[in-house]
Every structure is written in C-alpha cells, then in structure tokens.
Amino acid sequence: MGLFAFLPILLIGVFYLAIIVAIFFLIYSWVNKFITLRQEQNDLLREIVKKMDQKNS
C-alpha cells in the first residue's frame, strides 16, 4: 500500500522531468543550428569577398 501511495507523485515527477529534458534538448538543438548557419554565412561572405578582390585585382 505504501508504494501505491507514492506512485502518482513519482509519475508526475518523471513527467515534469521529461518535459524539462525535452525543453533543454530543443534549446540545445536550436542553438546548434543557429551557430552552424552563422558559420556557413560567414564562409559564404568570405568567398564573396575573395571573388570581389580577385575581380578588382
């Protein structure tokens, strides 16, 4: 009987923990994607600047 009294509280705790973990995972994924896109943008801009320098030379 004692275990069954704590089972709902335990399940609610696991549920909220899963939600928090999912939120952190989504934040991590978004930040990683943002950093990757920013790096790709910087690389493209470098290539454009190099090509413009080559044309002007």
Protein backbone atom coordinates (compact mmCIF):
# COMPACT_ATOMS: atom_id res chain seq x y z
CA MET A 1 0.00 0.00 0.00
CA GLY A 2 2.87 2.39 0.74
CA LEU A 3 4.32 2.14 -2.78
CA PHE A 4 0.95 2.76 -4.41
CA ALA A 5 0.56 5.97 -2.40
CA PHE A 6 3.79 7.43 -3.84
CA LEU A 7 3.29 6.10 -7.38
CA PRO A 8 1.22 9.10 -8.66
CA ILE A 9 3.70 11.57 -7.18
CA LEU A 10 6.59 9.65 -8.75
CA LEU A 11 4.87 9.56 -12.15
CA ILE A 12 4.16 13.29 -12.05
CA GLY A 13 7.80 13.94 -11.14
CA VAL A 14 9.03 11.80 -14.04
CA PHE A 15 6.59 13.55 -16.38
CA TYR A 16 7.83 17.01 -15.40
CA LEU A 17 11.45 15.87 -15.59
CA ALA A 18 10.82 14.57 -19.12
CA ILE A 19 9.31 17.91 -20.13
CA ILE A 20 12.32 19.81 -18.74
CA VAL A 21 14.76 17.48 -20.52
CA ALA A 22 12.82 17.90 -23.78
CA ILE A 23 12.91 21.71 -23.45
CA PHE A 24 16.66 21.68 -22.85
CA PHE A 25 17.16 19.38 -25.83
CA LEU A 26 15.14 21.71 -28.08
CA ILE A 27 17.12 24.73 -26.87
CA TYR A 28 20.39 22.86 -27.49
CA SER A 29 19.29 21.85 -30.98
CA TRP A 30 18.20 25.39 -31.85
CA VAL A 31 21.44 26.95 -30.61
CA ASN A 32 23.50 24.37 -32.51
CA LYS A 33 21.56 25.03 -35.71
CA PHE A 34 21.93 28.79 -35.25
CA ILE A 35 25.70 28.51 -34.76
CA THR A 36 26.04 26.24 -37.81
CA LEU A 37 24.03 28.61 -40.02
CA ARG A 38 26.05 31.56 -38.78
CA GLN A 39 29.30 29.76 -39.64
CA GLU A 40 28.01 28.91 -43.13
CA GLN A 41 27.00 32.55 -43.63
CA ASN A 42 30.48 33.70 -42.60
CA ASP A 43 32.09 31.22 -45.00
CA LEU A 44 29.91 32.40 -47.89
CA LEU A 45 30.70 36.03 -47.15
CA ARG A 46 34.44 35.22 -47.12
CA GLU A 47 34.13 33.56 -50.53
CA ILE A 48 32.25 36.57 -51.92
CA VAL A 49 34.90 38.96 -50.61
CA LYS A 50 37.68 36.82 -52.12
CA LYS A 51 35.97 36.77 -55.53
CA MET A 52 35.42 40.52 -55.44
CA ASP A 53 39.09 41.07 -54.54
CA GLN A 54 40.15 38.85 -57.44
CA LYS A 55 37.97 40.82 -59.87
CA ASN A 56 39.36 44.14 -58.67
CA SER A 57 42.98 43.00 -58.91
